[in-house]
Amino acid sequence: MSAAPRTLIIGYGSPIRGDDAIGPLVAERLRGVALGDQVRIIARHILTAELTADLIDHERAIFLDAALSGTPGEVRCHRLAPARECVSTMAHFLDPRELLAWCETLYGQVPEAYLVTACGDSFDYADYRLSAAGTAAIEPMIAWVQRLIDGDTDNLDTPLGEV
């Protein structure tokens, strides 16, 4: 019997808003990359509270998403910490830091967590179609995921969620 996957990768974003689809598209692309049997991949439109049960079953979580600020195509990686101030009212979606806060509150544990983003260029209506900048960011995002799975956390951008 093999051990449970150590790393959970969650790509999220709207498939009909151009570059916002990069998170789920990269998650789907990662399914074809040899990451080992210690990795589980989920592609979602939005983050919901139900993911807390998935998160606590893993030692590491890597979130993949589009970013609005920065140079189009720029890929960044941040360490995440639980942040209760990222309140979404649980209406439709959650911030990954809020999900981590739910894990901490409900289960008393939080996986090591990272957010890998690519700055989008176009968020117009487009069904799973990325801009040139979004397309160019796919391979660097995959490279960040592979580094994180290998435990290489050097040169991260400023941590998000720490007070």
N, C-alpha and C. Protein backbone atom coordinates (compact mmCIF):
# COMPACT_ATOMS: atom_id res chain seq x y z
N MET A 1 0.84 -1.17 0.00
CA MET A 1 0.00 0.00 0.00
C MET A 1 0.89 1.24 0.00
N SER A 2 0.63 2.19 -0.93
CA SER A 2 1.47 3.38 -1.01
C SER A 2 0.96 4.45 -0.05
N ALA A 3 1.87 5.34 0.34
CA ALA A 3 1.51 6.42 1.26
C ALA A 3 0.64 7.44 0.54
N ALA A 4 -0.10 8.19 1.32
CA ALA A 4 -0.94 9.25 0.76
C ALA A 4 -0.05 10.29 0.09
N PRO A 5 -0.55 10.96 -0.94
CA PRO A 5 0.24 12.00 -1.59
C PRO A 5 0.68 13.07 -0.60
N ARG A 6 1.92 13.50 -0.73
CA ARG A 6 2.50 14.49 0.17
C ARG A 6 2.13 15.91 -0.26
N THR A 7 2.01 16.13 -1.58
CA THR A 7 1.77 17.46 -2.12
C THR A 7 0.43 17.53 -2.84
N LEU A 8 -0.33 18.56 -2.54
CA LEU A 8 -1.58 18.83 -3.23
C LEU A 8 -1.40 20.09 -4.06
N ILE A 9 -1.68 19.98 -5.35
CA ILE A 9 -1.61 21.13 -6.26
C ILE A 9 -3.03 21.49 -6.65
N ILE A 10 -3.38 22.77 -6.46
CA ILE A 10 -4.72 23.24 -6.80
C ILE A 10 -4.59 24.41 -7.77
N GLY A 11 -4.98 24.19 -9.01
CA GLY A 11 -5.02 25.27 -9.99
C GLY A 11 -6.43 25.79 -10.06
N TYR A 12 -6.60 27.10 -9.95
CA TYR A 12 -7.95 27.64 -9.95
C TYR A 12 -8.02 28.94 -10.76
N GLY A 13 -9.21 29.20 -11.27
CA GLY A 13 -9.46 30.41 -12.05
C GLY A 13 -10.61 30.18 -13.01
N SER A 14 -11.13 31.25 -13.54
CA SER A 14 -12.28 31.18 -14.44
C SER A 14 -11.88 30.76 -15.85
N PRO A 15 -12.45 29.69 -16.34
CA PRO A 15 -12.09 29.22 -17.68
C PRO A 15 -12.61 30.14 -18.79
N ILE A 16 -13.50 31.07 -18.47
CA ILE A 16 -14.06 31.92 -19.52
C ILE A 16 -13.53 33.36 -19.45
N ARG A 17 -12.48 33.60 -18.67
CA ARG A 17 -11.95 34.96 -18.53
C ARG A 17 -10.49 35.03 -18.96
N GLY A 18 -10.18 34.55 -20.15
CA GLY A 18 -8.84 34.69 -20.70
C GLY A 18 -7.76 34.14 -19.80
N ASP A 19 -6.81 35.02 -19.43
CA ASP A 19 -5.66 34.58 -18.63
C ASP A 19 -6.03 34.09 -17.23
N ASP A 20 -7.24 34.37 -16.77
CA ASP A 20 -7.65 33.85 -15.47
C ASP A 20 -7.71 32.32 -15.48
N ALA A 21 -7.73 31.72 -16.65
CA ALA A 21 -7.77 30.26 -16.77
C ALA A 21 -6.41 29.60 -16.58
N ILE A 22 -5.35 30.39 -16.36
CA ILE A 22 -4.02 29.80 -16.30
C ILE A 22 -3.86 28.79 -15.16
N GLY A 23 -4.48 29.03 -14.01
CA GLY A 23 -4.35 28.09 -12.88
C GLY A 23 -4.84 26.70 -13.24
N PRO A 24 -6.09 26.55 -13.68
CA PRO A 24 -6.55 25.20 -14.04
C PRO A 24 -5.84 24.64 -15.27
N LEU A 25 -5.45 25.49 -16.21
CA LEU A 25 -4.74 24.98 -17.39
C LEU A 25 -3.38 24.42 -17.01
N VAL A 26 -2.65 25.10 -16.12
CA VAL A 26 -1.35 24.58 -15.67
C VAL A 26 -1.56 23.30 -14.86
N ALA A 27 -2.61 23.25 -14.04
CA ALA A 27 -2.89 22.02 -13.28
C ALA A 27 -3.11 20.86 -14.24
N GLU A 28 -3.89 21.09 -15.27
CA GLU A 28 -4.14 20.01 -16.26
C GLU A 28 -2.85 19.63 -16.98
N ARG A 29 -2.02 20.60 -17.31
CA ARG A 29 -0.74 20.31 -17.97
C ARG A 29 0.16 19.49 -17.06
N LEU A 30 0.11 19.77 -15.76
CA LEU A 30 0.95 19.03 -14.80
C LEU A 30 0.57 17.56 -14.72
N ARG A 31 -0.65 17.22 -15.08
CA ARG A 31 -1.07 15.81 -15.08
C ARG A 31 -0.21 14.99 -16.04
N GLY A 32 0.36 15.64 -17.04
CA GLY A 32 1.20 14.95 -18.01
C GLY A 32 2.68 15.01 -17.69
N VAL A 33 3.03 15.61 -16.56
CA VAL A 33 4.43 15.73 -16.14
C VAL A 33 4.71 14.67 -15.07
N ALA A 34 5.85 14.03 -15.16
CA ALA A 34 6.21 13.00 -14.18
C ALA A 34 6.58 13.67 -12.86
N LEU A 35 5.61 13.77 -11.96
CA LEU A 35 5.83 14.40 -10.66
C LEU A 35 5.91 13.37 -9.54
N GLY A 36 5.68 12.12 -9.86
CA GLY A 36 5.72 11.08 -8.84
C GLY A 36 4.36 10.80 -8.25
N ASP A 37 4.27 9.71 -7.50
CA ASP A 37 2.98 9.31 -6.93
C ASP A 37 2.67 10.02 -5.61
N GLN A 38 3.53 10.93 -5.20
CA GLN A 38 3.30 11.68 -3.96
C GLN A 38 2.63 13.02 -4.22
N VAL A 39 2.07 13.20 -5.43
CA VAL A 39 1.44 14.46 -5.82
C VAL A 39 0.02 14.20 -6.28
N ARG A 40 -0.90 15.02 -5.78
CA ARG A 40 -2.29 14.99 -6.22
C ARG A 40 -2.61 16.35 -6.84
N ILE A 41 -3.33 16.36 -7.95
CA ILE A 41 -3.61 17.60 -8.68
C ILE A 41 -5.12 17.79 -8.79
N ILE A 42 -5.57 19.02 -8.50
CA ILE A 42 -6.97 19.40 -8.62
C ILE A 42 -7.05 20.66 -9.46
N ALA A 43 -7.98 20.72 -10.40
CA ALA A 43 -8.26 21.94 -11.17
C ALA A 43 -9.67 22.38 -10.82
N ARG A 44 -9.82 23.66 -10.44
CA ARG A 44 -11.11 24.18 -10.00
C ARG A 44 -11.37 25.54 -10.60
N HIS A 45 -12.63 25.86 -10.69
CA HIS A 45 -13.05 27.20 -11.10
C HIS A 45 -12.81 28.18 -9.95
N ILE A 46 -13.18 27.77 -8.73
CA ILE A 46 -13.01 28.59 -7.54
C ILE A 46 -12.57 27.72 -6.37
N LEU A 47 -12.04 28.37 -5.34
CA LEU A 47 -11.68 27.68 -4.11
C LEU A 47 -12.89 27.70 -3.18
N THR A 48 -13.24 26.53 -2.64
CA THR A 48 -14.38 26.43 -1.74
C THR A 48 -13.95 25.79 -0.43
N ALA A 49 -14.78 25.97 0.59
CA ALA A 49 -14.47 25.48 1.94
C ALA A 49 -14.22 23.97 1.98
N GLU A 50 -14.83 23.23 1.09
CA GLU A 50 -14.67 21.77 1.09
C GLU A 50 -13.22 21.35 0.88
N LEU A 51 -12.41 22.23 0.32
CA LEU A 51 -11.00 21.89 0.07
C LEU A 51 -10.19 21.80 1.36
N THR A 52 -10.70 22.31 2.48
CA THR A 52 -9.95 22.21 3.73
C THR A 52 -9.68 20.76 4.10
N ALA A 53 -10.64 19.89 3.87
CA ALA A 53 -10.45 18.46 4.19
C ALA A 53 -9.35 17.86 3.32
N ASP A 54 -9.25 18.30 2.08
CA ASP A 54 -8.17 17.83 1.20
C ASP A 54 -6.83 18.38 1.66
N LEU A 55 -6.81 19.63 2.03
CA LEU A 55 -5.55 20.27 2.42
C LEU A 55 -4.91 19.62 3.64
N ILE A 56 -5.70 19.28 4.65
CA ILE A 56 -5.09 18.72 5.87
C ILE A 56 -4.52 17.33 5.67
N ASP A 57 -4.88 16.68 4.58
CA ASP A 57 -4.34 15.36 4.29
C ASP A 57 -2.98 15.41 3.60
N HIS A 58 -2.44 16.62 3.40
CA HIS A 58 -1.18 16.79 2.68
C HIS A 58 -0.20 17.63 3.49
N GLU A 59 1.07 17.39 3.27
CA GLU A 59 2.11 18.15 3.96
C GLU A 59 2.38 19.49 3.29
N ARG A 60 2.11 19.55 1.97
CA ARG A 60 2.41 20.75 1.20
C ARG A 60 1.25 21.01 0.24
N ALA A 61 0.92 22.30 0.08
CA ALA A 61 -0.08 22.70 -0.90
C ALA A 61 0.52 23.76 -1.81
N ILE A 62 0.27 23.60 -3.10
CA ILE A 62 0.73 24.59 -4.08
C ILE A 62 -0.50 25.07 -4.85
N PHE A 63 -0.79 26.36 -4.71
CA PHE A 63 -1.92 26.96 -5.40
C PHE A 63 -1.40 27.63 -6.67
N LEU A 64 -2.15 27.51 -7.76
CA LEU A 64 -1.78 28.11 -9.04
C LEU A 64 -2.89 29.06 -9.46
N ASP A 65 -2.53 30.31 -9.78
CA ASP A 65 -3.55 31.30 -10.10
C ASP A 65 -2.97 32.39 -10.99
N ALA A 66 -3.87 33.16 -11.59
CA ALA A 66 -3.49 34.36 -12.34
C ALA A 66 -3.37 35.52 -11.37
N ALA A 67 -2.56 36.50 -11.75
CA ALA A 67 -2.42 37.72 -10.95
C ALA A 67 -2.80 38.92 -11.81
N LEU A 68 -3.31 39.94 -11.15
CA LEU A 68 -3.70 41.16 -11.85
C LEU A 68 -2.59 42.19 -11.90
N SER A 69 -1.70 42.19 -10.90
CA SER A 69 -0.66 43.20 -10.84
C SER A 69 0.69 42.62 -11.23
N GLY A 70 1.47 43.45 -11.91
CA GLY A 70 2.79 43.04 -12.36
C GLY A 70 2.90 43.16 -13.86
N THR A 71 4.00 42.72 -14.38
CA THR A 71 4.24 42.73 -15.81
C THR A 71 3.58 41.49 -16.42
N PRO A 72 2.78 41.65 -17.47
CA PRO A 72 2.14 40.48 -18.08
C PRO A 72 3.15 39.37 -18.38
N GLY A 73 2.81 38.16 -17.94
CA GLY A 73 3.67 37.00 -18.13
C GLY A 73 4.62 36.74 -16.98
N GLU A 74 4.76 37.71 -16.06
CA GLU A 74 5.65 37.56 -14.91
C GLU A 74 5.13 36.46 -13.98
N VAL A 75 6.01 35.54 -13.60
CA VAL A 75 5.64 34.45 -12.70
C VAL A 75 6.31 34.69 -11.36
N ARG A 76 5.51 34.56 -10.30
CA ARG A 76 6.01 34.78 -8.95
C ARG A 76 5.58 33.62 -8.06
N CYS A 77 6.35 33.41 -7.00
CA CYS A 77 6.02 32.38 -6.03
C CYS A 77 6.13 32.97 -4.64
N HIS A 78 5.07 32.80 -3.86
CA HIS A 78 5.00 33.31 -2.50
C HIS A 78 4.73 32.17 -1.53
N ARG A 79 5.33 32.26 -0.36
CA ARG A 79 4.96 31.36 0.73
C ARG A 79 3.66 31.91 1.32
N LEU A 80 2.72 31.05 1.66
CA LEU A 80 1.45 31.48 2.23
C LEU A 80 1.37 31.12 3.70
N ALA A 81 0.67 31.95 4.43
CA ALA A 81 0.37 31.70 5.84
C ALA A 81 -1.12 31.90 6.03
N PRO A 82 -1.70 31.24 7.03
CA PRO A 82 -3.13 31.45 7.30
C PRO A 82 -3.41 32.93 7.55
N ALA A 83 -4.54 33.42 7.03
CA ALA A 83 -4.90 34.82 7.23
C ALA A 83 -6.41 34.93 7.36
N ARG A 84 -6.85 35.13 8.56
CA ARG A 84 -8.29 35.24 8.81
C ARG A 84 -8.86 36.54 8.25
N GLU A 85 -7.98 37.54 8.01
CA GLU A 85 -8.48 38.81 7.49
C GLU A 85 -8.87 38.75 6.02
N CYS A 86 -8.60 37.65 5.36
CA CYS A 86 -8.97 37.47 3.95
C CYS A 86 -10.39 36.92 3.87
N VAL A 87 -11.29 37.52 4.60
CA VAL A 87 -12.65 37.00 4.71
C VAL A 87 -13.42 37.22 3.42
N SER A 88 -14.04 36.18 2.94
CA SER A 88 -14.81 36.25 1.71
C SER A 88 -16.30 36.11 1.98
N THR A 89 -16.70 35.93 3.19
CA THR A 89 -18.07 35.66 3.62
C THR A 89 -18.56 34.30 3.15
N MET A 90 -17.66 33.50 2.62
CA MET A 90 -17.99 32.14 2.17
C MET A 90 -19.08 32.13 1.11
N ALA A 91 -19.35 33.26 0.48
CA ALA A 91 -20.43 33.34 -0.49
C ALA A 91 -20.17 32.44 -1.69
N HIS A 92 -19.06 32.65 -2.37
CA HIS A 92 -18.81 31.88 -3.58
C HIS A 92 -17.38 31.34 -3.68
N PHE A 93 -16.42 32.03 -3.11
CA PHE A 93 -15.04 31.60 -3.26
C PHE A 93 -14.22 32.04 -2.07
N LEU A 94 -13.05 31.42 -1.91
CA LEU A 94 -12.15 31.73 -0.80
C LEU A 94 -10.78 32.09 -1.34
N ASP A 95 -10.05 32.86 -0.57
CA ASP A 95 -8.64 33.15 -0.81
C ASP A 95 -7.88 31.94 -0.27
N PRO A 96 -6.77 31.53 -0.87
CA PRO A 96 -6.05 30.37 -0.33
C PRO A 96 -5.61 30.57 1.12
N ARG A 97 -5.29 31.80 1.50
CA ARG A 97 -4.88 32.06 2.88
C ARG A 97 -6.04 31.87 3.84
N GLU A 98 -7.26 32.17 3.39
CA GLU A 98 -8.43 31.92 4.22
C GLU A 98 -8.66 30.42 4.38
N LEU A 99 -8.45 29.66 3.30
CA LEU A 99 -8.56 28.19 3.40
C LEU A 99 -7.59 27.66 4.45
N LEU A 100 -6.37 28.21 4.45
CA LEU A 100 -5.38 27.78 5.44
C LEU A 100 -5.83 28.14 6.85
N ALA A 101 -6.45 29.30 7.00
CA ALA A 101 -6.97 29.69 8.32
C ALA A 101 -8.08 28.74 8.77
N TRP A 102 -8.92 28.31 7.82
CA TRP A 102 -9.96 27.32 8.15
C TRP A 102 -9.31 26.02 8.61
N CYS A 103 -8.25 25.59 7.93
CA CYS A 103 -7.54 24.36 8.34
C CYS A 103 -7.02 24.50 9.77
N GLU A 104 -6.41 25.63 10.05
CA GLU A 104 -5.84 25.87 11.37
C GLU A 104 -6.93 25.87 12.45
N THR A 105 -8.05 26.53 12.16
CA THR A 105 -9.13 26.65 13.13
C THR A 105 -9.86 25.33 13.34
N LEU A 106 -10.19 24.66 12.24
CA LEU A 106 -10.99 23.43 12.33
C LEU A 106 -10.19 22.19 12.71
N TYR A 107 -8.94 22.11 12.24
CA TYR A 107 -8.17 20.87 12.40
C TYR A 107 -6.88 21.04 13.19
N GLY A 108 -6.51 22.29 13.49
CA GLY A 108 -5.30 22.52 14.27
C GLY A 108 -4.02 22.23 13.52
N GLN A 109 -4.08 22.19 12.20
CA GLN A 109 -2.89 21.96 11.40
C GLN A 109 -3.03 22.65 10.05
N VAL A 110 -1.89 23.00 9.49
CA VAL A 110 -1.85 23.71 8.22
C VAL A 110 -0.71 23.14 7.39
N PRO A 111 -0.96 22.81 6.13
CA PRO A 111 0.15 22.36 5.30
C PRO A 111 1.08 23.52 4.96
N GLU A 112 2.33 23.21 4.69
CA GLU A 112 3.23 24.21 4.12
C GLU A 112 2.58 24.63 2.80
N ALA A 113 2.46 25.93 2.53
CA ALA A 113 1.69 26.34 1.36
C ALA A 113 2.37 27.44 0.57
N TYR A 114 2.16 27.37 -0.75
CA TYR A 114 2.76 28.32 -1.69
C TYR A 114 1.72 28.73 -2.72
N LEU A 115 1.89 29.94 -3.25
CA LEU A 115 1.07 30.44 -4.33
C LEU A 115 1.98 30.79 -5.49
N VAL A 116 1.76 30.14 -6.62
CA VAL A 116 2.51 30.44 -7.84
C VAL A 116 1.54 31.16 -8.77
N THR A 117 1.90 32.39 -9.15
CA THR A 117 1.02 33.19 -10.00
C THR A 117 1.72 33.61 -11.28
N ALA A 118 0.90 33.87 -12.28
CA ALA A 118 1.36 34.47 -13.53
C ALA A 118 0.52 35.71 -13.75
N CYS A 119 1.16 36.84 -13.98
CA CYS A 119 0.42 38.07 -14.23
C CYS A 119 -0.23 37.99 -15.60
N GLY A 120 -1.52 38.18 -15.62
CA GLY A 120 -2.26 38.10 -16.87
C GLY A 120 -2.19 39.39 -17.67
N ASP A 121 -2.51 39.27 -18.93
CA ASP A 121 -2.52 40.40 -19.84
C ASP A 121 -3.94 40.73 -20.29
N SER A 122 -4.78 39.69 -20.38
CA SER A 122 -6.15 39.89 -20.84
C SER A 122 -7.10 39.00 -20.04
N PHE A 123 -8.12 39.63 -19.47
CA PHE A 123 -9.13 38.90 -18.71
C PHE A 123 -10.50 39.05 -19.37
N ASP A 124 -10.47 39.31 -20.68
CA ASP A 124 -11.71 39.39 -21.45
C ASP A 124 -12.32 38.00 -21.58
N TYR A 125 -13.56 37.95 -22.02
CA TYR A 125 -14.22 36.67 -22.20
C TYR A 125 -13.52 35.87 -23.30
N ALA A 126 -13.07 34.68 -22.93
CA ALA A 126 -12.39 33.79 -23.86
C ALA A 126 -12.33 32.41 -23.22
N ASP A 127 -12.87 31.42 -23.85
CA ASP A 127 -12.96 30.08 -23.29
C ASP A 127 -11.61 29.36 -23.36
N TYR A 128 -10.94 29.28 -22.21
CA TYR A 128 -9.64 28.61 -22.09
C TYR A 128 -8.63 29.09 -23.13
N ARG A 129 -8.66 30.35 -23.47
CA ARG A 129 -7.68 30.92 -24.40
C ARG A 129 -6.85 31.94 -23.64
N LEU A 130 -5.55 31.70 -23.62
CA LEU A 130 -4.63 32.60 -22.93
C LEU A 130 -4.03 33.59 -23.93
N SER A 131 -3.62 34.75 -23.40
CA SER A 131 -2.87 35.70 -24.21
C SER A 131 -1.48 35.12 -24.46
N ALA A 132 -0.70 35.79 -25.28
CA ALA A 132 0.69 35.35 -25.52
C ALA A 132 1.48 35.36 -24.22
N ALA A 133 1.26 36.39 -23.38
CA ALA A 133 1.96 36.47 -22.09
C ALA A 133 1.55 35.32 -21.17
N GLY A 134 0.26 35.00 -21.16
CA GLY A 134 -0.23 33.89 -20.34
C GLY A 134 0.35 32.56 -20.81
N THR A 135 0.36 32.36 -22.10
CA THR A 135 0.93 31.13 -22.66
C THR A 135 2.41 31.00 -22.32
N ALA A 136 3.14 32.11 -22.42
CA ALA A 136 4.58 32.09 -22.11
C ALA A 136 4.85 31.80 -20.64
N ALA A 137 3.88 32.04 -19.77
CA ALA A 137 4.07 31.83 -18.33
C ALA A 137 3.86 30.38 -17.90
N ILE A 138 3.30 29.55 -18.76
CA ILE A 138 2.99 28.17 -18.37
C ILE A 138 4.24 27.40 -17.95
N GLU A 139 5.26 27.37 -18.77
CA GLU A 139 6.47 26.60 -18.45
C GLU A 139 7.18 27.12 -17.19
N PRO A 140 7.32 28.45 -17.00
CA PRO A 140 7.91 28.92 -15.74
C PRO A 140 7.08 28.54 -14.51
N MET A 141 5.76 28.51 -14.64
CA MET A 141 4.92 28.07 -13.51
C MET A 141 5.19 26.60 -13.21
N ILE A 142 5.26 25.78 -14.25
CA ILE A 142 5.56 24.36 -14.06
C ILE A 142 6.93 24.18 -13.40
N ALA A 143 7.90 24.98 -13.81
CA ALA A 143 9.24 24.91 -13.21
C ALA A 143 9.19 25.24 -11.72
N TRP A 144 8.39 26.26 -11.33
CA TRP A 144 8.24 26.58 -9.92
C TRP A 144 7.63 25.42 -9.15
N VAL A 145 6.60 24.81 -9.72
CA VAL A 145 5.96 23.67 -9.05
C VAL A 145 6.98 22.55 -8.83
N GLN A 146 7.76 22.25 -9.84
CA GLN A 146 8.76 21.18 -9.71
C GLN A 146 9.79 21.54 -8.64
N ARG A 147 10.21 22.80 -8.59
CA ARG A 147 11.16 23.23 -7.55
C ARG A 147 10.56 23.04 -6.16
N LEU A 148 9.30 23.45 -5.99
CA LEU A 148 8.66 23.33 -4.67
C LEU A 148 8.49 21.88 -4.25
N ILE A 149 8.12 21.03 -5.19
CA ILE A 149 7.99 19.60 -4.88
C ILE A 149 9.34 19.02 -4.44
N ASP A 150 10.41 19.52 -5.05
CA ASP A 150 11.75 19.06 -4.70
C ASP A 150 12.28 19.70 -3.42
N GLY A 151 11.49 20.62 -2.83
CA GLY A 151 11.89 21.25 -1.58
C GLY A 151 12.75 22.50 -1.75
N ASP A 152 12.89 22.99 -2.97
CA ASP A 152 13.69 24.19 -3.24
C ASP A 152 12.82 25.42 -3.04
N THR A 153 12.98 26.07 -1.90
CA THR A 153 12.18 27.26 -1.59
C THR A 153 13.05 28.52 -1.57
N ASP A 154 14.20 28.47 -2.22
CA ASP A 154 15.05 29.66 -2.31
C ASP A 154 14.44 30.67 -3.27
N ASN A 155 14.71 31.92 -3.02
CA ASN A 155 14.31 33.02 -3.90
C ASN A 155 12.81 33.20 -4.07
N LEU A 156 12.06 32.95 -3.01
CA LEU A 156 10.62 33.22 -3.06
C LEU A 156 10.40 34.72 -2.95
N ASP A 157 9.26 35.18 -3.45
CA ASP A 157 8.88 36.57 -3.27
C ASP A 157 8.38 36.75 -1.83
N THR A 158 8.08 37.96 -1.46
CA THR A 158 7.62 38.29 -0.11
C THR A 158 6.47 37.37 0.30
N PRO A 159 6.56 36.79 1.50
CA PRO A 159 5.45 35.92 1.94
C PRO A 159 4.13 36.66 2.01
N LEU A 160 3.06 35.97 1.67
CA LEU A 160 1.72 36.53 1.74
C LEU A 160 1.03 35.98 2.97
N GLY A 161 0.27 36.83 3.66
CA GLY A 161 -0.53 36.38 4.79
C GLY A 161 0.14 36.50 6.13
N GLU A 162 1.40 36.90 6.16
CA GLU A 162 2.08 37.05 7.44
C GLU A 162 1.86 38.47 7.94
N VAL A 163 1.62 38.60 9.20
CA VAL A 163 1.36 39.92 9.79
C VAL A 163 2.58 40.39 10.56
